[in-house]
Structures are given as structure tokens and as C-alpha cells.
């Protein structure tokens, strides 16, 4: 038995787990998610970039961040490269080696500095990274079936919105329970 079931998985997985009786089941097309591929590069020497984070436009790369500039990360110089979502959707099933090669070449070209000599290279796949549509702030609570869904995809996709969505769902369910 249960009082409520709350699913906090990415939207695509949430709708796979929900029954068709879930009040919001037919809205699943409004919550599609897109991918991202991240590359972490560790280098022996600094690239002497004049930014901490750069948003990239019209490229296969969306963002380049000097990860080692974050607090308490001074051991080695490192870059975090995030692919553009549309590119990741097309290349999610490519080999790690081909993805790494391509994104390193793109980064080298953008920075006009060779990153291929990185001593550490890692690739991480985020199949469900970001909602494809900007939604009005929403939480999905079905009082009749006692099912709820929430996650960053219910708001704006940030880590803060994951917390806010969970707080909103728990508050709303607590209000429902106190009125029963």
C-alpha cells in the first residue's frame, strides 16, 4: 500500500512509468527532453583563457567552462565542454572516441589553442538533459490517482528548479492531506 507515488525521473522516463490514468499522461509531448554530451579535459598547463565560462552560439558546442577556476579546484587546469543539444541528439550513440575527437577539434578551433594534448579526457552522456519547450512553471499532481511527478523539467531545467519542483509537490500534497 501507499498514500502517494511521486516520480522524480526525467520526463521521458516518468511518462513510461505512469499509467494512462494519470491526469497529465496526454501532456507528455509537452515535456520532451533533449540530450547533452559533456567532455572533461585535464591539462598540465593553463590555456590562459580570459573567461571562466563562455556560451557558444552556432556551433556543435554550447558551453566551455574553465572548471578549475571554481572554488577548491586548483590542483589541475581543467575544462568542461558541453555539446549543443541538437548535436548531442544526433550523436548520442556515436563512439566515445569519435565524440571526443570531434568536440576537442571544435574546442581547439574556437579557442585557437590545441586541447588535444590533455592528460585527462572523459566523456559523459546526458540523454535527458533539458526540456525542449519552455513551460510555464508547473507541477503535476493527480489527486484522484495519488500520483505526482516533478523534476527540473517542470520548471526551467536548472538544479535549483529540481529542488523548487520537489518542494512545491511536497507542499501541495501536504495541503491535500491536511484537508482530508
Protein backbone atom coordinates (compact mmCIF):
# COMPACT_ATOMS: atom_id res chain seq x y z
CA UNK A 1 0.00 0.00 0.00
CA UNK A 2 0.94 3.62 -0.43
CA UNK A 3 -0.53 7.04 0.17
CA UNK A 4 1.13 8.70 -2.83
CA UNK A 5 3.63 7.84 -5.56
CA UNK A 6 5.93 10.68 -6.60
CA UNK A 7 8.19 10.16 -9.61
CA UNK A 8 11.22 12.41 -9.99
CA UNK A 9 12.83 10.77 -13.02
CA UNK A 10 13.43 12.69 -16.26
CA UNK A 11 10.20 13.43 -18.13
CA UNK A 12 10.59 10.68 -20.74
CA UNK A 13 11.10 8.02 -18.07
CA UNK A 14 8.38 9.47 -15.84
CA UNK A 15 5.76 9.06 -18.55
CA UNK A 16 6.93 5.50 -19.24
CA UNK A 17 6.32 4.68 -15.57
CA UNK A 18 2.94 6.42 -15.28
CA UNK A 19 -0.35 4.73 -16.03
CA UNK A 20 -2.66 6.10 -18.68
CA UNK A 21 -5.00 7.10 -15.85
CA UNK A 22 -2.51 9.77 -14.74
CA UNK A 23 -4.28 13.09 -15.23
CA UNK A 24 -1.35 14.55 -17.22
CA UNK A 25 -0.50 11.46 -19.28
CA UNK A 26 -1.62 13.04 -22.57
CA UNK A 27 0.65 16.05 -21.96
CA UNK A 28 3.84 14.00 -22.31
CA UNK A 29 4.65 15.63 -25.67
CA UNK A 30 4.86 18.94 -23.78
CA UNK A 31 7.70 17.57 -21.67
CA UNK A 32 10.11 16.03 -24.19
CA UNK A 33 13.77 16.28 -23.32
CA UNK A 34 16.92 16.69 -25.36
CA UNK A 35 20.45 15.37 -24.82
CA UNK A 36 23.84 16.81 -23.96
CA UNK A 37 27.31 15.33 -24.08
CA UNK A 38 29.95 16.65 -21.68
CA UNK A 39 33.69 16.38 -22.12
CA UNK A 40 36.11 16.96 -19.24
CA UNK A 41 39.68 17.78 -20.15
CA UNK A 42 42.55 17.94 -17.67
CA UNK A 43 45.68 19.74 -18.84
CA UNK A 44 49.16 20.04 -17.34
CA UNK A 45 49.32 23.77 -18.08
CA UNK A 46 46.85 26.62 -18.18
CA UNK A 47 45.46 27.78 -21.51
CA UNK A 48 45.39 31.35 -20.15
CA UNK A 49 41.82 31.96 -21.26
CA UNK A 50 40.29 35.32 -20.42
CA UNK A 51 36.96 33.84 -19.28
CA UNK A 52 35.60 31.43 -16.71
CA UNK A 53 32.64 30.35 -18.80
CA UNK A 54 31.69 31.01 -22.41
CA UNK A 55 28.31 30.44 -24.05
CA UNK A 56 28.86 29.42 -27.66
CA UNK A 57 26.40 30.05 -30.49
CA UNK A 58 26.06 28.39 -33.90
CA UNK A 59 28.40 25.55 -33.04
CA UNK A 60 28.33 21.90 -32.04
CA UNK A 61 29.46 23.21 -28.64
CA UNK A 62 27.10 25.07 -26.33
CA UNK A 63 29.38 25.95 -23.42
CA UNK A 64 33.04 25.95 -22.40
CA UNK A 65 33.84 26.35 -18.73
CA UNK A 66 37.21 26.61 -17.01
CA UNK A 67 36.26 24.09 -14.36
CA UNK A 68 39.48 24.54 -12.39
CA UNK A 69 38.53 28.18 -11.69
CA UNK A 70 35.73 27.03 -9.39
CA UNK A 71 36.47 27.19 -5.66
CA UNK A 72 38.67 24.42 -4.25
CA UNK A 73 39.61 23.05 -7.70
CA UNK A 74 43.13 24.39 -8.13
CA UNK A 75 45.01 21.07 -8.41
CA UNK A 76 44.99 20.83 -12.20
CA UNK A 77 43.80 23.02 -15.03
CA UNK A 78 40.56 21.62 -16.44
CA UNK A 79 37.90 22.47 -18.99
CA UNK A 80 34.31 21.32 -19.16
CA UNK A 81 32.85 21.31 -22.67
CA UNK A 82 29.14 20.82 -23.20
CA UNK A 83 27.81 19.96 -26.62
CA UNK A 84 24.91 21.72 -28.25
CA UNK A 85 21.69 19.83 -27.56
CA UNK A 86 20.77 19.36 -31.22
CA UNK A 87 24.23 17.92 -31.94
CA UNK A 88 24.02 15.56 -28.95
CA UNK A 89 20.62 14.27 -30.07
CA UNK A 90 22.15 13.32 -33.42
CA UNK A 91 25.36 11.78 -31.99
CA UNK A 92 24.25 10.21 -28.69
CA UNK A 93 25.00 6.71 -29.98
CA UNK A 94 28.36 7.51 -31.59
CA UNK A 95 31.53 6.07 -30.06
CA UNK A 96 33.16 7.95 -27.20
CA UNK A 97 36.35 8.24 -29.26
CA UNK A 98 34.65 9.91 -32.23
CA UNK A 99 32.72 12.28 -29.95
CA UNK A 100 35.86 13.16 -28.02
CA UNK A 101 37.83 13.77 -31.21
CA UNK A 102 35.14 15.97 -32.72
CA UNK A 103 34.45 18.07 -29.63
CA UNK A 104 38.18 18.53 -28.94
CA UNK A 105 38.72 19.69 -32.54
CA UNK A 106 35.79 22.11 -32.23
CA UNK A 107 37.12 23.41 -28.91
CA UNK A 108 40.64 23.86 -30.29
CA UNK A 109 39.25 25.79 -33.25
CA UNK A 110 37.05 28.02 -31.06
CA UNK A 111 39.81 28.76 -28.54
CA UNK A 112 42.62 28.86 -31.12
CA UNK A 113 44.54 26.64 -28.71
CA UNK A 114 45.29 22.93 -29.02
CA UNK A 115 43.41 20.90 -26.38
CA UNK A 116 44.29 17.51 -27.90
CA UNK A 117 47.25 17.19 -25.53
CA UNK A 118 45.03 16.96 -22.47
CA UNK A 119 46.35 14.39 -19.98
CA UNK A 120 42.83 13.52 -18.87
CA UNK A 121 39.86 13.14 -21.22
CA UNK A 122 36.44 11.89 -20.23
CA UNK A 123 33.03 11.87 -21.90
CA UNK A 124 29.67 11.76 -20.15
CA UNK A 125 26.30 11.31 -21.84
CA UNK A 126 23.18 13.08 -20.55
CA UNK A 127 20.32 11.53 -22.53
CA UNK A 128 17.73 13.66 -20.72
CA UNK A 129 19.46 16.98 -20.14
CA UNK A 130 16.98 19.73 -20.92
CA UNK A 131 13.32 20.21 -21.78
CA UNK A 132 12.68 21.04 -25.42
CA UNK A 133 9.93 23.55 -24.65
CA UNK A 134 9.90 26.33 -22.10
CA UNK A 135 6.99 25.51 -19.84
CA UNK A 136 5.00 27.67 -17.53
CA UNK A 137 6.05 26.69 -14.03
CA UNK A 138 4.10 23.52 -13.38
CA UNK A 139 3.91 20.61 -11.04
CA UNK A 140 1.98 17.50 -11.93
CA UNK A 141 -0.27 16.29 -9.12
CA UNK A 142 -3.21 13.98 -9.70
CA UNK A 143 -5.27 13.91 -6.51
CA UNK A 144 -7.58 11.18 -7.79
CA UNK A 145 -4.90 8.60 -8.57
CA UNK A 146 -2.49 9.84 -5.84
CA UNK A 147 0.29 10.20 -8.41
CA UNK A 148 2.66 13.12 -8.79
CA UNK A 149 5.64 13.94 -10.95
CA UNK A 150 8.27 16.60 -10.59
CA UNK A 151 11.78 17.44 -11.66
CA UNK A 152 13.85 20.24 -13.13
CA UNK A 153 11.92 19.70 -16.38
CA UNK A 154 8.75 21.01 -14.68
CA UNK A 155 10.33 24.44 -14.37
CA UNK A 156 13.38 25.80 -16.16
CA UNK A 157 15.80 22.88 -16.16
CA UNK A 158 18.25 24.14 -13.54
CA UNK A 159 19.34 22.26 -10.43
CA UNK A 160 17.55 24.92 -8.40
CA UNK A 161 14.31 24.20 -10.24
CA UNK A 162 14.62 20.49 -9.36
CA UNK A 163 14.63 21.49 -5.68
CA UNK A 164 11.80 24.00 -6.17
CA UNK A 165 9.63 21.49 -8.06
CA UNK A 166 10.09 18.89 -5.29
CA UNK A 167 9.32 21.48 -2.62
CA UNK A 168 6.17 22.56 -4.49
CA UNK A 169 4.93 19.00 -4.94
CA UNK A 170 5.55 18.06 -1.31
CA UNK A 171 3.85 21.26 -0.10
CA UNK A 172 0.82 20.68 -2.31
CA UNK A 173 0.48 17.05 -1.23
CA UNK A 174 0.84 18.05 2.43
CA UNK A 175 -2.00 20.58 1.90
CA UNK A 176 -4.18 17.90 0.28
CA UNK A 177 -3.51 15.50 3.16
CA UNK A 178 -4.26 18.13 5.80
CA UNK A 179 -7.62 18.89 4.12
CA UNK A 180 -8.73 15.23 4.03
